[in-house]
Amino acid sequence: MEHDLITTDELIGRTVTIIECTDPSWVHQTGLIIDETQQTFLIEIENKHKRIAKKNTTFAFEYHGKKTIVNGSRLVYRPEDRIKKTR
């Protein structure tokens, strides 16, 4: 159930690790989500801002003290719509 909770929670400000990505150079990169659009995250990695597509990417979040892995296609919503989904 925790897996479902993170998909409806605020993600800006969270640390994220890229587990799978169509661009293999991003795999295992960890950074801070600083912005979110319907299709992408803007992640600060090593003081650089990188825009990563949600679709076709798998992310790992630290959520309530546990590592939670989420397929990015489950996050492809406008942030405000994704957060309201279960309220």
N, C-alpha and C. Protein backbone atom coordinates (compact mmCIF):
# COMPACT_ATOMS: atom_id res chain seq x y z
N MET A 1 0.81 -1.19 0.00
CA MET A 1 0.00 0.00 0.00
C MET A 1 0.85 1.26 0.00
N GLU A 2 2.02 1.22 0.67
CA GLU A 2 2.92 2.37 0.68
C GLU A 2 3.24 2.80 -0.75
N HIS A 3 3.39 1.81 -1.63
CA HIS A 3 3.71 2.07 -3.03
C HIS A 3 2.67 3.00 -3.64
N ASP A 4 1.40 2.77 -3.32
CA ASP A 4 0.32 3.59 -3.86
C ASP A 4 0.30 4.97 -3.22
N LEU A 5 0.67 5.07 -1.95
CA LEU A 5 0.63 6.36 -1.27
C LEU A 5 1.60 7.36 -1.89
N ILE A 6 2.78 6.94 -2.25
CA ILE A 6 3.76 7.88 -2.78
C ILE A 6 3.30 8.47 -4.12
N THR A 7 2.52 7.73 -4.87
CA THR A 7 2.08 8.24 -6.17
C THR A 7 1.09 9.39 -6.02
N THR A 8 0.52 9.57 -4.83
CA THR A 8 -0.42 10.67 -4.60
C THR A 8 0.15 11.70 -3.63
N ASP A 9 1.43 11.61 -3.33
CA ASP A 9 2.07 12.53 -2.39
C ASP A 9 2.90 13.56 -3.16
N GLU A 10 3.26 14.64 -2.47
CA GLU A 10 4.13 15.67 -3.05
C GLU A 10 5.52 15.06 -3.24
N LEU A 11 6.09 15.23 -4.43
CA LEU A 11 7.40 14.65 -4.72
C LEU A 11 8.51 15.69 -4.80
N ILE A 12 8.15 16.95 -5.02
CA ILE A 12 9.16 18.02 -5.05
C ILE A 12 9.80 18.09 -3.66
N GLY A 13 11.13 18.12 -3.65
CA GLY A 13 11.87 18.15 -2.40
C GLY A 13 12.34 16.78 -1.94
N ARG A 14 11.89 15.74 -2.62
CA ARG A 14 12.30 14.37 -2.26
C ARG A 14 13.57 13.97 -3.01
N THR A 15 14.35 13.13 -2.35
CA THR A 15 15.51 12.54 -2.99
C THR A 15 15.04 11.33 -3.78
N VAL A 16 15.58 11.20 -4.99
CA VAL A 16 15.17 10.12 -5.88
C VAL A 16 16.41 9.51 -6.52
N THR A 17 16.36 8.21 -6.75
CA THR A 17 17.41 7.51 -7.50
C THR A 17 16.77 6.90 -8.74
N ILE A 18 17.43 7.06 -9.86
CA ILE A 18 16.93 6.50 -11.12
C ILE A 18 17.40 5.05 -11.19
N ILE A 19 16.43 4.13 -11.28
CA ILE A 19 16.73 2.69 -11.29
C ILE A 19 16.86 2.18 -12.72
N GLU A 20 15.91 2.56 -13.57
CA GLU A 20 15.94 2.19 -14.98
C GLU A 20 15.59 3.41 -15.80
N CYS A 21 16.23 3.55 -16.97
CA CYS A 21 15.98 4.71 -17.81
C CYS A 21 16.37 4.36 -19.25
N THR A 22 15.70 4.99 -20.21
CA THR A 22 16.06 4.74 -21.61
C THR A 22 17.47 5.23 -21.91
N ASP A 23 17.98 6.20 -21.12
CA ASP A 23 19.36 6.66 -21.25
C ASP A 23 20.17 6.03 -20.13
N PRO A 24 20.97 5.01 -20.45
CA PRO A 24 21.68 4.27 -19.39
C PRO A 24 22.63 5.12 -18.56
N SER A 25 23.02 6.28 -19.05
CA SER A 25 23.94 7.13 -18.27
C SER A 25 23.26 7.70 -17.03
N TRP A 26 21.93 7.66 -16.98
CA TRP A 26 21.20 8.18 -15.81
C TRP A 26 20.95 7.12 -14.75
N VAL A 27 21.13 5.85 -15.09
CA VAL A 27 20.86 4.77 -14.14
C VAL A 27 21.80 4.90 -12.94
N HIS A 28 21.23 4.76 -11.75
CA HIS A 28 21.91 4.85 -10.46
C HIS A 28 22.29 6.27 -10.07
N GLN A 29 21.82 7.28 -10.80
CA GLN A 29 22.04 8.67 -10.41
C GLN A 29 21.02 9.04 -9.34
N THR A 30 21.47 9.77 -8.34
CA THR A 30 20.60 10.20 -7.25
C THR A 30 20.62 11.71 -7.18
N GLY A 31 19.43 12.29 -6.96
CA GLY A 31 19.35 13.73 -6.84
C GLY A 31 18.07 14.16 -6.15
N LEU A 32 17.86 15.47 -6.14
CA LEU A 32 16.73 16.08 -5.47
C LEU A 32 15.75 16.59 -6.51
N ILE A 33 14.48 16.20 -6.39
CA ILE A 33 13.45 16.70 -7.31
C ILE A 33 13.18 18.15 -6.96
N ILE A 34 13.40 19.06 -7.93
CA ILE A 34 13.19 20.48 -7.66
C ILE A 34 12.00 21.04 -8.43
N ASP A 35 11.48 20.30 -9.40
CA ASP A 35 10.28 20.72 -10.11
C ASP A 35 9.67 19.49 -10.77
N GLU A 36 8.37 19.62 -11.10
CA GLU A 36 7.66 18.51 -11.72
C GLU A 36 6.65 19.05 -12.72
N THR A 37 6.60 18.43 -13.88
CA THR A 37 5.54 18.71 -14.85
C THR A 37 4.78 17.41 -15.07
N GLN A 38 3.82 17.43 -15.96
CA GLN A 38 3.05 16.21 -16.22
C GLN A 38 3.95 15.09 -16.71
N GLN A 39 4.90 15.41 -17.55
CA GLN A 39 5.72 14.38 -18.20
C GLN A 39 7.13 14.22 -17.62
N THR A 40 7.60 15.18 -16.82
CA THR A 40 9.01 15.15 -16.41
C THR A 40 9.22 15.54 -14.94
N PHE A 41 10.40 15.17 -14.45
CA PHE A 41 10.93 15.71 -13.19
C PHE A 41 12.16 16.54 -13.55
N LEU A 42 12.35 17.64 -12.85
CA LEU A 42 13.60 18.37 -12.92
C LEU A 42 14.36 17.98 -11.65
N ILE A 43 15.50 17.33 -11.85
CA ILE A 43 16.25 16.76 -10.73
C ILE A 43 17.62 17.43 -10.68
N GLU A 44 18.00 17.86 -9.48
CA GLU A 44 19.34 18.41 -9.29
C GLU A 44 20.27 17.27 -8.91
N ILE A 45 21.22 17.01 -9.82
CA ILE A 45 22.20 15.95 -9.62
C ILE A 45 23.58 16.58 -9.73
N GLU A 46 24.34 16.49 -8.64
CA GLU A 46 25.70 17.05 -8.60
C GLU A 46 25.71 18.51 -9.06
N ASN A 47 24.81 19.32 -8.49
CA ASN A 47 24.70 20.76 -8.77
C ASN A 47 24.32 21.10 -10.20
N LYS A 48 23.82 20.13 -10.95
CA LYS A 48 23.33 20.37 -12.31
C LYS A 48 21.86 19.99 -12.35
N HIS A 49 21.09 20.73 -13.14
CA HIS A 49 19.67 20.43 -13.29
C HIS A 49 19.45 19.58 -14.52
N LYS A 50 18.80 18.45 -14.34
CA LYS A 50 18.54 17.51 -15.43
C LYS A 50 17.06 17.22 -15.50
N ARG A 51 16.47 17.32 -16.68
CA ARG A 51 15.05 17.02 -16.87
C ARG A 51 14.95 15.56 -17.33
N ILE A 52 14.22 14.77 -16.56
CA ILE A 52 14.09 13.33 -16.81
C ILE A 52 12.63 13.02 -17.08
N ALA A 53 12.37 12.33 -18.18
CA ALA A 53 11.00 11.91 -18.50
C ALA A 53 10.54 10.88 -17.48
N LYS A 54 9.29 11.01 -17.04
CA LYS A 54 8.72 10.03 -16.10
C LYS A 54 8.46 8.70 -16.79
N LYS A 55 7.87 8.78 -17.97
CA LYS A 55 7.52 7.57 -18.71
C LYS A 55 8.80 6.83 -19.08
N ASN A 56 8.76 5.52 -19.02
CA ASN A 56 9.91 4.66 -19.36
C ASN A 56 11.08 4.80 -18.40
N THR A 57 10.83 5.32 -17.20
CA THR A 57 11.86 5.44 -16.17
C THR A 57 11.32 4.84 -14.89
N THR A 58 12.18 4.16 -14.15
CA THR A 58 11.81 3.62 -12.85
C THR A 58 12.60 4.37 -11.79
N PHE A 59 11.89 4.83 -10.76
CA PHE A 59 12.48 5.65 -9.71
C PHE A 59 12.43 4.93 -8.37
N ALA A 60 13.42 5.21 -7.52
CA ALA A 60 13.40 4.73 -6.13
C ALA A 60 13.36 5.96 -5.23
N PHE A 61 12.39 5.97 -4.32
CA PHE A 61 12.24 7.05 -3.35
C PHE A 61 12.45 6.49 -1.96
N GLU A 62 12.98 7.31 -1.07
CA GLU A 62 12.98 6.99 0.35
C GLU A 62 11.65 7.51 0.86
N TYR A 63 10.78 6.62 1.31
CA TYR A 63 9.42 7.02 1.69
C TYR A 63 9.04 6.35 3.00
N HIS A 64 8.83 7.15 4.03
CA HIS A 64 8.51 6.66 5.38
C HIS A 64 9.55 5.64 5.84
N GLY A 65 10.82 5.95 5.57
CA GLY A 65 11.91 5.11 6.03
C GLY A 65 12.16 3.86 5.22
N LYS A 66 11.44 3.70 4.12
CA LYS A 66 11.63 2.51 3.28
C LYS A 66 11.94 2.93 1.85
N LYS A 67 12.70 2.10 1.17
CA LYS A 67 12.96 2.32 -0.25
C LYS A 67 11.72 1.88 -1.03
N THR A 68 11.15 2.80 -1.78
CA THR A 68 9.93 2.52 -2.54
C THR A 68 10.23 2.72 -4.01
N ILE A 69 9.99 1.69 -4.82
CA ILE A 69 10.27 1.75 -6.25
C ILE A 69 8.96 1.96 -7.00
N VAL A 70 8.98 2.95 -7.91
CA VAL A 70 7.78 3.32 -8.65
C VAL A 70 8.10 3.42 -10.14
N ASN A 71 7.28 2.77 -10.95
CA ASN A 71 7.39 2.92 -12.40
C ASN A 71 6.90 4.33 -12.74
N GLY A 72 7.71 5.09 -13.45
CA GLY A 72 7.38 6.48 -13.76
C GLY A 72 6.08 6.66 -14.52
N SER A 73 5.64 5.65 -15.25
CA SER A 73 4.37 5.79 -15.99
C SER A 73 3.20 5.96 -15.02
N ARG A 74 3.35 5.52 -13.76
CA ARG A 74 2.30 5.72 -12.75
C ARG A 74 2.27 7.16 -12.25
N LEU A 75 3.27 7.95 -12.61
CA LEU A 75 3.38 9.33 -12.14
C LEU A 75 3.07 10.35 -13.24
N VAL A 76 2.70 9.88 -14.43
CA VAL A 76 2.47 10.78 -15.57
C VAL A 76 1.09 11.42 -15.44
N TYR A 77 1.04 12.43 -14.60
CA TYR A 77 -0.14 13.28 -14.39
C TYR A 77 0.40 14.66 -14.09
N ARG A 78 -0.44 15.67 -14.27
CA ARG A 78 -0.06 16.98 -13.75
C ARG A 78 0.05 16.80 -12.24
N PRO A 79 1.05 17.41 -11.61
CA PRO A 79 1.26 17.16 -10.18
C PRO A 79 0.00 17.40 -9.35
N GLU A 80 -0.73 18.45 -9.63
CA GLU A 80 -1.92 18.74 -8.82
C GLU A 80 -3.01 17.69 -9.02
N ASP A 81 -3.10 17.11 -10.23
CA ASP A 81 -4.08 16.05 -10.48
C ASP A 81 -3.65 14.74 -9.82
N ARG A 82 -2.36 14.44 -9.87
CA ARG A 82 -1.84 13.21 -9.26
C ARG A 82 -2.08 13.24 -7.76
N ILE A 83 -1.85 14.37 -7.14
CA ILE A 83 -2.01 14.49 -5.70
C ILE A 83 -3.47 14.39 -5.29
N LYS A 84 -4.39 14.92 -6.10
CA LYS A 84 -5.83 14.89 -5.80
C LYS A 84 -6.48 13.55 -6.09
N LYS A 85 -5.77 12.68 -6.81
CA LYS A 85 -6.36 11.43 -7.31
C LYS A 85 -7.11 10.62 -6.25
N THR A 86 -6.62 10.54 -5.04
CA THR A 86 -7.26 9.69 -4.04
C THR A 86 -7.97 10.48 -2.96
N ARG A 87 -8.01 11.79 -3.08
CA ARG A 87 -8.66 12.59 -2.04
C ARG A 87 -10.11 12.77 -2.30
